[in-house]
Amino acid sequence: MALPGGQIRLAIGYWLHRHRKWGIVPLLGVGLFMPVHAWPVRSGNFMMIAGAIGILFGTLLRIVCYRFTGSHDPMDVYDPGTMKTEGPYAVTRNPVYLAEGAIALGIAMMSRMPWFVLATLIVGGVATALVIEWEETALRERYGDAYTEYCRTVPRWFSLGRVTHKDTFVKTRGRVKLFAAVRAESATLLIGLLAILAFLAKANFEIFHSGY
């Protein structure tokens, strides 16, 4: 996704990268505290289920990324001496952003407000495009041809061909220990589950007071 503006885009992308952890705050604020009026509360079951799956998937993927790299910051993966291309980074170049996107979309879905889902997709898509443009520019300057080759073989987001490629199997086999990661990062998983329970509680409250 290319956006106009050169250096301004990179500056905005760098700022968003540094402060992106706060993006979940307005999402939770709107999703949990804005009442659902136009959308019948009982017709949001699909959105609730899909949203819960998104939050759970994103939380688990974020846990795996953290246990694999020791950081939630994607740029920390690429320290001055090495470039990570194994584990989740053998499947997608942006597993952390994929996880954060799934969580954000899951929160929006569990709000049961279609306009909020659309707004999250638009705002989140633009913000992520800016962050990734800045990050990829920085990584190309740091690693040159090695990073260019990595971009050629590993998709920015996801592809079925890459998932089934034998090189991916070799680079992920035994390196992505989900259960060990969950045990070590149980607090992170608990936060994700508490968010799901909070949305379920809100939905039940609105159903009770709506007379459905």
N, C-alpha and C. Protein backbone atom coordinates (compact mmCIF):
# COMPACT_ATOMS: atom_id res chain seq x y z
N MET A 1 0.85 -1.19 0.00
CA MET A 1 0.00 0.00 0.00
C MET A 1 0.89 1.23 0.00
N ALA A 2 0.98 1.95 -1.08
CA ALA A 2 1.85 3.11 -1.19
C ALA A 2 1.07 4.38 -0.88
N LEU A 3 1.66 5.22 -0.06
CA LEU A 3 1.03 6.48 0.30
C LEU A 3 1.92 7.62 -0.16
N PRO A 4 1.32 8.78 -0.51
CA PRO A 4 2.13 9.89 -1.00
C PRO A 4 2.94 10.54 0.11
N GLY A 5 4.09 11.09 -0.26
CA GLY A 5 4.77 11.97 0.68
C GLY A 5 6.17 11.69 1.13
N GLY A 6 6.94 10.71 0.72
CA GLY A 6 8.36 10.53 1.01
C GLY A 6 8.76 10.55 2.47
N GLN A 7 9.61 11.54 2.80
CA GLN A 7 10.18 11.64 4.14
C GLN A 7 9.11 11.86 5.21
N ILE A 8 8.03 12.54 4.87
CA ILE A 8 6.95 12.76 5.84
C ILE A 8 6.35 11.42 6.23
N ARG A 9 6.13 10.53 5.24
CA ARG A 9 5.59 9.20 5.53
C ARG A 9 6.51 8.44 6.48
N LEU A 10 7.81 8.51 6.20
CA LEU A 10 8.77 7.78 7.04
C LEU A 10 8.79 8.32 8.46
N ALA A 11 8.69 9.64 8.60
CA ALA A 11 8.68 10.25 9.93
C ALA A 11 7.43 9.84 10.70
N ILE A 12 6.29 9.84 10.01
CA ILE A 12 5.04 9.42 10.66
C ILE A 12 5.11 7.94 11.02
N GLY A 13 5.66 7.13 10.11
CA GLY A 13 5.80 5.70 10.37
C GLY A 13 6.67 5.43 11.58
N TYR A 14 7.76 6.17 11.72
CA TYR A 14 8.65 6.00 12.88
C TYR A 14 7.92 6.37 14.16
N TRP A 15 7.16 7.47 14.13
CA TRP A 15 6.41 7.90 15.32
C TRP A 15 5.36 6.86 15.70
N LEU A 16 4.64 6.37 14.70
CA LEU A 16 3.61 5.35 14.97
C LEU A 16 4.23 4.07 15.51
N HIS A 17 5.40 3.72 14.99
CA HIS A 17 6.09 2.52 15.46
C HIS A 17 6.43 2.65 16.95
N ARG A 18 6.91 3.80 17.36
CA ARG A 18 7.31 4.00 18.74
C ARG A 18 6.13 4.03 19.70
N HIS A 19 4.96 4.45 19.21
CA HIS A 19 3.81 4.63 20.10
C HIS A 19 2.67 3.66 19.80
N ARG A 20 2.91 2.64 18.98
CA ARG A 20 1.81 1.80 18.54
C ARG A 20 1.19 0.99 19.67
N LYS A 21 1.92 0.75 20.77
CA LYS A 21 1.36 -0.04 21.86
C LYS A 21 0.15 0.63 22.51
N TRP A 22 0.04 1.96 22.32
CA TRP A 22 -1.10 2.68 22.91
C TRP A 22 -2.34 2.61 22.02
N GLY A 23 -2.21 2.05 20.82
CA GLY A 23 -3.35 2.00 19.92
C GLY A 23 -4.50 1.17 20.43
N ILE A 24 -4.21 0.21 21.32
CA ILE A 24 -5.26 -0.65 21.84
C ILE A 24 -6.17 0.10 22.81
N VAL A 25 -5.68 1.20 23.40
CA VAL A 25 -6.46 1.93 24.41
C VAL A 25 -7.75 2.51 23.81
N PRO A 26 -7.67 3.31 22.71
CA PRO A 26 -8.94 3.80 22.15
C PRO A 26 -9.82 2.70 21.60
N LEU A 27 -9.22 1.62 21.13
CA LEU A 27 -10.03 0.50 20.64
C LEU A 27 -10.88 -0.09 21.76
N LEU A 28 -10.23 -0.35 22.90
CA LEU A 28 -10.97 -0.90 24.03
C LEU A 28 -11.97 0.12 24.59
N GLY A 29 -11.58 1.39 24.57
CA GLY A 29 -12.48 2.42 25.08
C GLY A 29 -13.77 2.49 24.29
N VAL A 30 -13.65 2.53 22.96
CA VAL A 30 -14.83 2.59 22.11
C VAL A 30 -15.60 1.27 22.16
N GLY A 31 -14.86 0.17 22.04
CA GLY A 31 -15.52 -1.13 21.98
C GLY A 31 -16.28 -1.49 23.24
N LEU A 32 -15.74 -1.14 24.41
CA LEU A 32 -16.36 -1.55 25.67
C LEU A 32 -17.38 -0.55 26.20
N PHE A 33 -17.17 0.74 25.91
CA PHE A 33 -17.99 1.74 26.58
C PHE A 33 -18.99 2.46 25.67
N MET A 34 -18.90 2.24 24.35
CA MET A 34 -19.91 2.84 23.48
C MET A 34 -21.06 1.85 23.32
N PRO A 35 -22.26 2.25 23.70
CA PRO A 35 -23.40 1.31 23.62
C PRO A 35 -23.79 1.02 22.18
N VAL A 36 -24.29 -0.19 21.96
CA VAL A 36 -24.75 -0.59 20.64
C VAL A 36 -26.22 -0.24 20.52
N HIS A 37 -26.56 0.69 19.59
CA HIS A 37 -27.95 1.11 19.39
C HIS A 37 -28.53 0.59 18.08
N ALA A 38 -27.82 0.86 16.99
CA ALA A 38 -28.37 0.56 15.67
C ALA A 38 -28.29 -0.92 15.33
N TRP A 39 -27.45 -1.68 16.02
CA TRP A 39 -27.22 -3.08 15.68
C TRP A 39 -27.93 -3.96 16.72
N PRO A 40 -28.96 -4.71 16.33
CA PRO A 40 -29.66 -5.56 17.30
C PRO A 40 -28.70 -6.46 18.05
N VAL A 41 -28.77 -6.46 19.34
CA VAL A 41 -27.76 -7.13 20.15
C VAL A 41 -27.69 -8.64 19.90
N ARG A 42 -28.80 -9.27 19.55
CA ARG A 42 -28.76 -10.72 19.34
C ARG A 42 -28.27 -11.09 17.95
N SER A 43 -28.15 -10.14 17.05
CA SER A 43 -27.68 -10.47 15.71
C SER A 43 -26.17 -10.33 15.59
N GLY A 44 -25.49 -10.11 16.72
CA GLY A 44 -24.04 -9.94 16.68
C GLY A 44 -23.28 -11.18 17.09
N ASN A 45 -23.94 -12.36 17.10
CA ASN A 45 -23.26 -13.57 17.57
C ASN A 45 -22.06 -13.92 16.72
N PHE A 46 -22.21 -13.82 15.39
CA PHE A 46 -21.08 -14.13 14.51
C PHE A 46 -19.91 -13.19 14.77
N MET A 47 -20.21 -11.91 14.95
CA MET A 47 -19.15 -10.94 15.20
C MET A 47 -18.45 -11.23 16.52
N MET A 48 -19.20 -11.64 17.51
CA MET A 48 -18.60 -11.96 18.80
C MET A 48 -17.66 -13.16 18.70
N ILE A 49 -18.11 -14.19 18.00
CA ILE A 49 -17.28 -15.40 17.86
C ILE A 49 -16.04 -15.10 17.04
N ALA A 50 -16.22 -14.42 15.90
CA ALA A 50 -15.07 -14.09 15.06
C ALA A 50 -14.09 -13.18 15.80
N GLY A 51 -14.64 -12.23 16.56
CA GLY A 51 -13.77 -11.33 17.31
C GLY A 51 -12.98 -12.05 18.38
N ALA A 52 -13.62 -12.97 19.10
CA ALA A 52 -12.92 -13.73 20.13
C ALA A 52 -11.80 -14.57 19.53
N ILE A 53 -12.07 -15.17 18.37
CA ILE A 53 -11.03 -15.96 17.69
C ILE A 53 -9.86 -15.05 17.29
N GLY A 54 -10.18 -13.86 16.79
CA GLY A 54 -9.14 -12.92 16.39
C GLY A 54 -8.26 -12.51 17.56
N ILE A 55 -8.89 -12.18 18.69
CA ILE A 55 -8.12 -11.78 19.87
C ILE A 55 -7.25 -12.92 20.38
N LEU A 56 -7.82 -14.13 20.41
CA LEU A 56 -7.07 -15.29 20.91
C LEU A 56 -5.91 -15.63 19.97
N PHE A 57 -6.18 -15.63 18.65
CA PHE A 57 -5.12 -15.93 17.68
C PHE A 57 -4.00 -14.89 17.78
N GLY A 58 -4.38 -13.61 17.81
CA GLY A 58 -3.37 -12.55 17.87
C GLY A 58 -2.55 -12.62 19.14
N THR A 59 -3.21 -12.92 20.27
CA THR A 59 -2.49 -13.01 21.54
C THR A 59 -1.49 -14.16 21.53
N LEU A 60 -1.91 -15.32 21.02
CA LEU A 60 -1.01 -16.48 20.96
C LEU A 60 0.17 -16.21 20.01
N LEU A 61 -0.10 -15.60 18.87
CA LEU A 61 0.98 -15.30 17.92
C LEU A 61 1.95 -14.29 18.53
N ARG A 62 1.42 -13.31 19.23
CA ARG A 62 2.27 -12.32 19.88
C ARG A 62 3.16 -12.98 20.95
N ILE A 63 2.59 -13.93 21.68
CA ILE A 63 3.36 -14.66 22.68
C ILE A 63 4.50 -15.43 22.03
N VAL A 64 4.19 -16.13 20.93
CA VAL A 64 5.22 -16.90 20.22
C VAL A 64 6.34 -15.98 19.74
N CYS A 65 5.97 -14.83 19.18
CA CYS A 65 6.97 -13.88 18.69
C CYS A 65 7.86 -13.40 19.82
N TYR A 66 7.25 -13.12 20.97
CA TYR A 66 8.02 -12.63 22.10
C TYR A 66 8.99 -13.70 22.60
N ARG A 67 8.51 -14.93 22.71
CA ARG A 67 9.39 -16.00 23.20
C ARG A 67 10.49 -16.32 22.21
N PHE A 68 10.22 -16.08 20.93
CA PHE A 68 11.22 -16.38 19.91
C PHE A 68 12.30 -15.31 19.84
N THR A 69 11.92 -14.05 20.06
CA THR A 69 12.85 -12.94 19.89
C THR A 69 13.24 -12.26 21.20
N GLY A 70 12.43 -12.44 22.25
CA GLY A 70 12.69 -11.76 23.50
C GLY A 70 12.20 -10.33 23.53
N SER A 71 11.39 -9.93 22.54
CA SER A 71 10.89 -8.56 22.48
C SER A 71 9.59 -8.51 21.70
N HIS A 72 8.72 -7.56 22.08
CA HIS A 72 7.50 -7.30 21.32
C HIS A 72 7.74 -6.27 20.22
N ASP A 73 8.95 -5.72 20.16
CA ASP A 73 9.28 -4.72 19.14
C ASP A 73 9.87 -5.43 17.93
N PRO A 74 9.20 -5.39 16.77
CA PRO A 74 9.72 -6.10 15.59
C PRO A 74 11.14 -5.70 15.22
N MET A 75 11.51 -4.44 15.44
CA MET A 75 12.85 -4.00 15.07
C MET A 75 13.92 -4.62 15.95
N ASP A 76 13.57 -5.07 17.16
CA ASP A 76 14.55 -5.71 18.02
C ASP A 76 14.97 -7.07 17.49
N VAL A 77 14.16 -7.62 16.58
CA VAL A 77 14.52 -8.90 15.96
C VAL A 77 15.80 -8.75 15.14
N TYR A 78 15.96 -7.57 14.56
CA TYR A 78 17.07 -7.34 13.65
C TYR A 78 18.16 -6.54 14.36
N ASP A 79 18.89 -7.22 15.26
CA ASP A 79 19.99 -6.53 15.92
C ASP A 79 21.13 -6.35 14.92
N PRO A 80 22.13 -5.53 15.24
CA PRO A 80 23.16 -5.20 14.27
C PRO A 80 23.91 -6.40 13.69
N GLY A 81 23.93 -7.55 14.40
CA GLY A 81 24.74 -8.65 13.92
C GLY A 81 23.99 -9.73 13.16
N THR A 82 22.69 -9.86 13.37
CA THR A 82 21.96 -10.96 12.77
C THR A 82 20.64 -10.48 12.18
N MET A 83 20.07 -11.34 11.34
CA MET A 83 18.75 -11.07 10.80
C MET A 83 17.91 -12.33 10.96
N LYS A 84 16.85 -12.25 11.74
CA LYS A 84 16.03 -13.41 12.02
C LYS A 84 15.21 -13.79 10.79
N THR A 85 15.32 -15.04 10.39
CA THR A 85 14.52 -15.55 9.27
C THR A 85 13.91 -16.91 9.62
N GLU A 86 13.91 -17.25 10.90
CA GLU A 86 13.41 -18.55 11.32
C GLU A 86 12.17 -18.39 12.17
N GLY A 87 11.60 -19.53 12.57
CA GLY A 87 10.40 -19.49 13.40
C GLY A 87 9.27 -18.78 12.68
N PRO A 88 8.53 -17.90 13.35
CA PRO A 88 7.42 -17.20 12.69
C PRO A 88 7.89 -16.31 11.54
N TYR A 89 9.16 -15.89 11.58
CA TYR A 89 9.69 -15.02 10.53
C TYR A 89 10.04 -15.78 9.25
N ALA A 90 9.91 -17.10 9.29
CA ALA A 90 10.06 -17.89 8.07
C ALA A 90 8.75 -17.99 7.30
N VAL A 91 7.64 -17.65 7.98
CA VAL A 91 6.31 -17.73 7.38
C VAL A 91 5.85 -16.37 6.89
N THR A 92 6.11 -15.33 7.67
CA THR A 92 5.70 -13.98 7.34
C THR A 92 6.77 -12.99 7.82
N ARG A 93 6.94 -11.89 7.10
CA ARG A 93 7.93 -10.90 7.52
C ARG A 93 7.43 -10.07 8.69
N ASN A 94 6.14 -10.10 8.94
CA ASN A 94 5.56 -9.23 9.97
C ASN A 94 4.63 -9.98 10.92
N PRO A 95 5.14 -10.99 11.62
CA PRO A 95 4.25 -11.75 12.51
C PRO A 95 3.71 -10.91 13.67
N VAL A 96 4.50 -9.96 14.17
CA VAL A 96 4.03 -9.12 15.28
C VAL A 96 2.89 -8.22 14.83
N TYR A 97 3.04 -7.61 13.65
CA TYR A 97 1.98 -6.74 13.14
C TYR A 97 0.74 -7.56 12.76
N LEU A 98 0.97 -8.77 12.29
CA LEU A 98 -0.16 -9.66 11.99
C LEU A 98 -0.93 -9.98 13.28
N ALA A 99 -0.19 -10.22 14.36
CA ALA A 99 -0.82 -10.50 15.65
C ALA A 99 -1.58 -9.28 16.15
N GLU A 100 -0.95 -8.11 16.08
CA GLU A 100 -1.60 -6.90 16.56
C GLU A 100 -2.83 -6.55 15.71
N GLY A 101 -2.74 -6.81 14.41
CA GLY A 101 -3.89 -6.57 13.54
C GLY A 101 -5.06 -7.48 13.88
N ALA A 102 -4.75 -8.75 14.18
CA ALA A 102 -5.80 -9.70 14.55
C ALA A 102 -6.47 -9.29 15.86
N ILE A 103 -5.67 -8.81 16.81
CA ILE A 103 -6.23 -8.36 18.09
C ILE A 103 -7.12 -7.14 17.88
N ALA A 104 -6.62 -6.17 17.11
CA ALA A 104 -7.40 -4.94 16.87
C ALA A 104 -8.71 -5.24 16.17
N LEU A 105 -8.65 -6.08 15.13
CA LEU A 105 -9.87 -6.43 14.41
C LEU A 105 -10.80 -7.25 15.29
N GLY A 106 -10.23 -8.11 16.13
CA GLY A 106 -11.05 -8.89 17.05
C GLY A 106 -11.80 -8.01 18.04
N ILE A 107 -11.11 -6.99 18.55
CA ILE A 107 -11.77 -6.05 19.47
C ILE A 107 -12.91 -5.34 18.76
N ALA A 108 -12.64 -4.87 17.54
CA ALA A 108 -13.68 -4.17 16.78
C ALA A 108 -14.87 -5.09 16.49
N MET A 109 -14.59 -6.35 16.15
CA MET A 109 -15.67 -7.29 15.88
C MET A 109 -16.51 -7.56 17.13
N MET A 110 -15.84 -7.70 18.28
CA MET A 110 -16.58 -7.99 19.50
C MET A 110 -17.40 -6.80 19.98
N SER A 111 -17.14 -5.62 19.45
CA SER A 111 -17.97 -4.46 19.79
C SER A 111 -19.36 -4.56 19.17
N ARG A 112 -19.51 -5.41 18.14
CA ARG A 112 -20.76 -5.61 17.40
C ARG A 112 -21.24 -4.34 16.71
N MET A 113 -20.28 -3.49 16.32
CA MET A 113 -20.62 -2.27 15.60
C MET A 113 -19.91 -2.29 14.25
N PRO A 114 -20.62 -2.60 13.16
CA PRO A 114 -19.98 -2.70 11.84
C PRO A 114 -19.19 -1.47 11.43
N TRP A 115 -19.68 -0.27 11.78
CA TRP A 115 -18.96 0.95 11.42
C TRP A 115 -17.59 1.00 12.10
N PHE A 116 -17.53 0.44 13.32
CA PHE A 116 -16.26 0.44 14.06
C PHE A 116 -15.27 -0.54 13.44
N VAL A 117 -15.79 -1.67 12.94
CA VAL A 117 -14.93 -2.63 12.24
C VAL A 117 -14.33 -1.97 10.99
N LEU A 118 -15.18 -1.28 10.22
CA LEU A 118 -14.71 -0.61 9.01
C LEU A 118 -13.68 0.47 9.35
N ALA A 119 -13.96 1.26 10.38
CA ALA A 119 -13.03 2.32 10.78
C ALA A 119 -11.69 1.73 11.23
N THR A 120 -11.74 0.61 11.95
CA THR A 120 -10.51 -0.05 12.40
C THR A 120 -9.69 -0.55 11.22
N LEU A 121 -10.37 -1.13 10.23
CA LEU A 121 -9.66 -1.61 9.04
C LEU A 121 -8.98 -0.46 8.29
N ILE A 122 -9.69 0.66 8.14
CA ILE A 122 -9.14 1.78 7.38
C ILE A 122 -7.99 2.45 8.14
N VAL A 123 -8.26 2.85 9.38
CA VAL A 123 -7.23 3.55 10.16
C VAL A 123 -6.05 2.62 10.46
N GLY A 124 -6.35 1.39 10.85
CA GLY A 124 -5.28 0.43 11.13
C GLY A 124 -4.47 0.09 9.90
N GLY A 125 -5.15 -0.03 8.74
CA GLY A 125 -4.44 -0.34 7.50
C GLY A 125 -3.48 0.76 7.10
N VAL A 126 -3.92 2.02 7.19
CA VAL A 126 -3.06 3.15 6.83
C VAL A 126 -1.88 3.24 7.80
N ALA A 127 -2.16 3.13 9.11
CA ALA A 127 -1.10 3.23 10.11
C ALA A 127 -0.07 2.12 9.94
N THR A 128 -0.53 0.90 9.70
CA THR A 128 0.38 -0.22 9.53
C THR A 128 1.22 -0.06 8.27
N ALA A 129 0.61 0.44 7.20
CA ALA A 129 1.36 0.66 5.96
C ALA A 129 2.49 1.67 6.18
N LEU A 130 2.22 2.71 6.95
CA LEU A 130 3.25 3.71 7.24
C LEU A 130 4.37 3.13 8.09
N VAL A 131 4.02 2.35 9.11
CA VAL A 131 5.02 1.74 9.98
C VAL A 131 5.90 0.78 9.19
N ILE A 132 5.28 -0.06 8.37
CA ILE A 132 6.03 -1.06 7.62
C ILE A 132 6.93 -0.39 6.58
N GLU A 133 6.46 0.68 5.95
CA GLU A 133 7.31 1.38 4.99
C GLU A 133 8.56 1.92 5.67
N TRP A 134 8.40 2.52 6.84
CA TRP A 134 9.57 3.01 7.57
C TRP A 134 10.49 1.86 7.96
N GLU A 135 9.90 0.78 8.49
CA GLU A 135 10.70 -0.34 8.96
C GLU A 135 11.47 -1.00 7.82
N GLU A 136 10.81 -1.24 6.70
CA GLU A 136 11.49 -1.89 5.57
C GLU A 136 12.59 -1.00 5.00
N THR A 137 12.38 0.31 4.99
CA THR A 137 13.43 1.22 4.53
C THR A 137 14.65 1.12 5.45
N ALA A 138 14.43 1.10 6.75
CA ALA A 138 15.52 0.99 7.71
C ALA A 138 16.25 -0.34 7.59
N LEU A 139 15.52 -1.41 7.37
CA LEU A 139 16.14 -2.74 7.28
C LEU A 139 16.92 -2.91 5.98
N ARG A 140 16.44 -2.31 4.91
CA ARG A 140 17.20 -2.37 3.65
C ARG A 140 18.52 -1.62 3.78
N GLU A 141 18.48 -0.50 4.49
CA GLU A 141 19.73 0.24 4.70
C GLU A 141 20.70 -0.54 5.59
N ARG A 142 20.16 -1.30 6.53
CA ARG A 142 21.02 -2.04 7.46
C ARG A 142 21.57 -3.32 6.87
N TYR A 143 20.76 -4.05 6.11
CA TYR A 143 21.16 -5.37 5.64
C TYR A 143 21.34 -5.50 4.13
N GLY A 144 20.90 -4.51 3.38
CA GLY A 144 21.14 -4.51 1.94
C GLY A 144 20.55 -5.70 1.22
N ASP A 145 21.39 -6.41 0.44
CA ASP A 145 20.92 -7.51 -0.41
C ASP A 145 20.32 -8.66 0.39
N ALA A 146 20.82 -8.89 1.60
CA ALA A 146 20.30 -10.00 2.41
C ALA A 146 18.83 -9.79 2.73
N TYR A 147 18.47 -8.55 3.07
CA TYR A 147 17.07 -8.27 3.37
C TYR A 147 16.23 -8.27 2.10
N THR A 148 16.79 -7.80 0.99
CA THR A 148 16.07 -7.83 -0.28
C THR A 148 15.73 -9.26 -0.67
N GLU A 149 16.67 -10.18 -0.47
CA GLU A 149 16.44 -11.60 -0.76
C GLU A 149 15.39 -12.18 0.18
N TYR A 150 15.44 -11.79 1.43
CA TYR A 150 14.45 -12.23 2.40
C TYR A 150 13.06 -11.77 1.98
N CYS A 151 12.93 -10.53 1.52
CA CYS A 151 11.65 -10.02 1.05
C CYS A 151 11.16 -10.77 -0.19
N ARG A 152 12.11 -11.23 -1.00
CA ARG A 152 11.73 -11.95 -2.22
C ARG A 152 11.16 -13.32 -1.90
N THR A 153 11.64 -13.96 -0.84
CA THR A 153 11.23 -15.34 -0.55
C THR A 153 10.12 -15.45 0.50
N VAL A 154 10.01 -14.46 1.38
CA VAL A 154 9.02 -14.52 2.45
C VAL A 154 8.00 -13.39 2.26
N PRO A 155 6.71 -13.70 2.26
CA PRO A 155 5.69 -12.67 2.01
C PRO A 155 5.59 -11.67 3.16
N ARG A 156 5.13 -10.48 2.83
CA ARG A 156 4.94 -9.46 3.86
C ARG A 156 3.92 -9.90 4.90
N TRP A 157 2.87 -10.59 4.45
CA TRP A 157 1.83 -11.03 5.36
C TRP A 157 1.70 -12.54 5.38
N PHE A 158 1.14 -13.12 4.33
CA PHE A 158 0.83 -14.54 4.39
C PHE A 158 0.61 -15.07 2.98
N SER A 159 1.04 -16.28 2.74
CA SER A 159 0.69 -16.98 1.50
C SER A 159 0.69 -18.48 1.78
N LEU A 160 -0.26 -19.18 1.19
CA LEU A 160 -0.35 -20.62 1.39
C LEU A 160 0.89 -21.32 0.85
N GLY A 161 1.41 -20.79 -0.26
CA GLY A 161 2.61 -21.39 -0.85
C GLY A 161 3.79 -21.36 0.11
N ARG A 162 3.94 -20.27 0.84
CA ARG A 162 5.05 -20.16 1.78
C ARG A 162 4.85 -21.08 2.97
N VAL A 163 3.62 -21.20 3.44
CA VAL A 163 3.33 -22.06 4.59
C VAL A 163 3.70 -23.51 4.28
N THR A 164 3.44 -23.96 3.06
CA THR A 164 3.70 -25.35 2.69
C THR A 164 5.08 -25.57 2.09
N HIS A 165 5.88 -24.52 1.97
CA HIS A 165 7.22 -24.65 1.38
C HIS A 165 8.14 -25.42 2.32
N LYS A 166 8.99 -26.28 1.77
CA LYS A 166 9.86 -27.11 2.62
C LYS A 166 10.85 -26.27 3.41
N ASP A 167 11.25 -25.13 2.87
CA ASP A 167 12.17 -24.25 3.59
C ASP A 167 11.53 -23.72 4.86
N THR A 168 10.24 -23.46 4.81
CA THR A 168 9.52 -23.00 6.00
C THR A 168 9.50 -24.08 7.06
N PHE A 169 9.28 -25.32 6.65
CA PHE A 169 9.26 -26.44 7.58
C PHE A 169 10.61 -26.59 8.28
N VAL A 170 11.68 -26.47 7.52
CA VAL A 170 13.02 -26.59 8.08
C VAL A 170 13.30 -25.49 9.09
N LYS A 171 12.86 -24.28 8.78
CA LYS A 171 13.18 -23.13 9.64
C LYS A 171 12.24 -22.96 10.83
N THR A 172 11.14 -23.69 10.84
CA THR A 172 10.21 -23.58 11.97
C THR A 172 10.17 -24.83 12.83
N ARG A 173 10.62 -25.95 12.30
CA ARG A 173 10.52 -27.22 13.02
C ARG A 173 11.29 -27.15 14.35
N GLY A 174 10.57 -27.36 15.42
CA GLY A 174 11.18 -27.36 16.74
C GLY A 174 11.49 -25.99 17.30
N ARG A 175 11.25 -24.94 16.53
CA ARG A 175 11.60 -23.59 17.00
C ARG A 175 10.40 -22.81 17.52
N VAL A 176 9.20 -23.20 17.11
CA VAL A 176 7.99 -22.52 17.58
C VAL A 176 7.33 -23.41 18.62
N LYS A 177 7.64 -23.17 19.89
CA LYS A 177 7.14 -23.99 20.99
C LYS A 177 5.97 -23.26 21.64
N LEU A 178 4.77 -23.52 21.12
CA LEU A 178 3.60 -22.77 21.56
C LEU A 178 3.28 -23.00 23.03
N PHE A 179 3.26 -24.25 23.47
CA PHE A 179 2.86 -24.53 24.85
C PHE A 179 3.88 -23.99 25.85
N ALA A 180 5.16 -24.08 25.49
CA ALA A 180 6.19 -23.52 26.37
C ALA A 180 6.05 -22.00 26.44
N ALA A 181 5.73 -21.39 25.28
CA ALA A 181 5.55 -19.94 25.24
C ALA A 181 4.35 -19.51 26.08
N VAL A 182 3.25 -20.26 25.99
CA VAL A 182 2.04 -19.93 26.75
C VAL A 182 2.31 -20.06 28.25
N ARG A 183 3.04 -21.10 28.65
CA ARG A 183 3.36 -21.26 30.07
C ARG A 183 4.19 -20.09 30.58
N ALA A 184 5.15 -19.68 29.77
CA ALA A 184 6.05 -18.60 30.19
C ALA A 184 5.37 -17.24 30.16
N GLU A 185 4.40 -17.07 29.24
CA GLU A 185 3.73 -15.77 29.07
C GLU A 185 2.25 -15.88 29.41
N SER A 186 1.95 -16.60 30.49
CA SER A 186 0.55 -16.83 30.86
C SER A 186 -0.17 -15.52 31.19
N ALA A 187 0.56 -14.53 31.71
CA ALA A 187 -0.07 -13.25 32.04
C ALA A 187 -0.60 -12.56 30.78
N THR A 188 0.15 -12.65 29.68
CA THR A 188 -0.29 -12.05 28.42
C THR A 188 -1.56 -12.73 27.92
N LEU A 189 -1.58 -14.06 27.99
CA LEU A 189 -2.77 -14.80 27.58
C LEU A 189 -3.95 -14.44 28.47
N LEU A 190 -3.70 -14.27 29.76
CA LEU A 190 -4.77 -13.92 30.70
C LEU A 190 -5.39 -12.57 30.32
N ILE A 191 -4.57 -11.62 29.92
CA ILE A 191 -5.09 -10.30 29.51
C ILE A 191 -6.01 -10.45 28.30
N GLY A 192 -5.59 -11.27 27.32
CA GLY A 192 -6.43 -11.51 26.15
C GLY A 192 -7.76 -12.14 26.52
N LEU A 193 -7.73 -13.12 27.42
CA LEU A 193 -8.96 -13.78 27.85
C LEU A 193 -9.85 -12.83 28.64
N LEU A 194 -9.25 -11.97 29.45
CA LEU A 194 -10.04 -11.00 30.21
C LEU A 194 -10.73 -10.01 29.28
N ALA A 195 -10.05 -9.63 28.18
CA ALA A 195 -10.68 -8.73 27.20
C ALA A 195 -11.90 -9.39 26.57
N ILE A 196 -11.78 -10.68 26.23
CA ILE A 196 -12.91 -11.41 25.66
C ILE A 196 -14.06 -11.47 26.66
N LEU A 197 -13.76 -11.77 27.92
CA LEU A 197 -14.79 -11.85 28.95
C LEU A 197 -15.47 -10.50 29.17
N ALA A 198 -14.69 -9.41 29.08
CA ALA A 198 -15.27 -8.08 29.25
C ALA A 198 -16.29 -7.78 28.15
N PHE A 199 -15.99 -8.16 26.92
CA PHE A 199 -16.94 -7.94 25.82
C PHE A 199 -18.16 -8.83 25.97
N LEU A 200 -17.98 -10.06 26.44
CA LEU A 200 -19.12 -10.94 26.67
C LEU A 200 -20.02 -10.37 27.77
N ALA A 201 -19.40 -9.82 28.80
CA ALA A 201 -20.18 -9.22 29.88
C ALA A 201 -20.97 -8.01 29.37
N LYS A 202 -20.33 -7.20 28.52
CA LYS A 202 -21.03 -6.04 27.96
C LYS A 202 -22.23 -6.50 27.12
N ALA A 203 -22.02 -7.52 26.29
CA ALA A 203 -23.11 -8.02 25.44
C ALA A 203 -24.27 -8.54 26.28
N ASN A 204 -23.96 -9.30 27.31
CA ASN A 204 -25.03 -9.83 28.18
C ASN A 204 -25.78 -8.71 28.88
N PHE A 205 -25.04 -7.69 29.31
CA PHE A 205 -25.67 -6.55 29.96
C PHE A 205 -26.65 -5.85 29.02
N GLU A 206 -26.22 -5.65 27.75
CA GLU A 206 -27.07 -4.96 26.78
C GLU A 206 -28.27 -5.81 26.40
N ILE A 207 -28.08 -7.13 26.31
CA ILE A 207 -29.19 -8.02 26.00
C ILE A 207 -30.23 -7.96 27.13
N PHE A 208 -29.76 -7.96 28.36
CA PHE A 208 -30.65 -7.94 29.52
C PHE A 208 -31.47 -6.66 29.56
N HIS A 209 -30.84 -5.54 29.20
CA HIS A 209 -31.53 -4.26 29.30
C HIS A 209 -32.26 -3.86 28.01
N SER A 210 -32.09 -4.66 26.95
CA SER A 210 -32.75 -4.31 25.70
C SER A 210 -34.13 -4.95 25.56
N GLY A 211 -34.39 -6.00 26.34
CA GLY A 211 -35.67 -6.68 26.26
C GLY A 211 -35.73 -7.72 25.19
N TYR A 212 -34.55 -8.08 24.55
CA TYR A 212 -34.56 -9.13 23.51
C TYR A 212 -34.77 -10.49 24.16
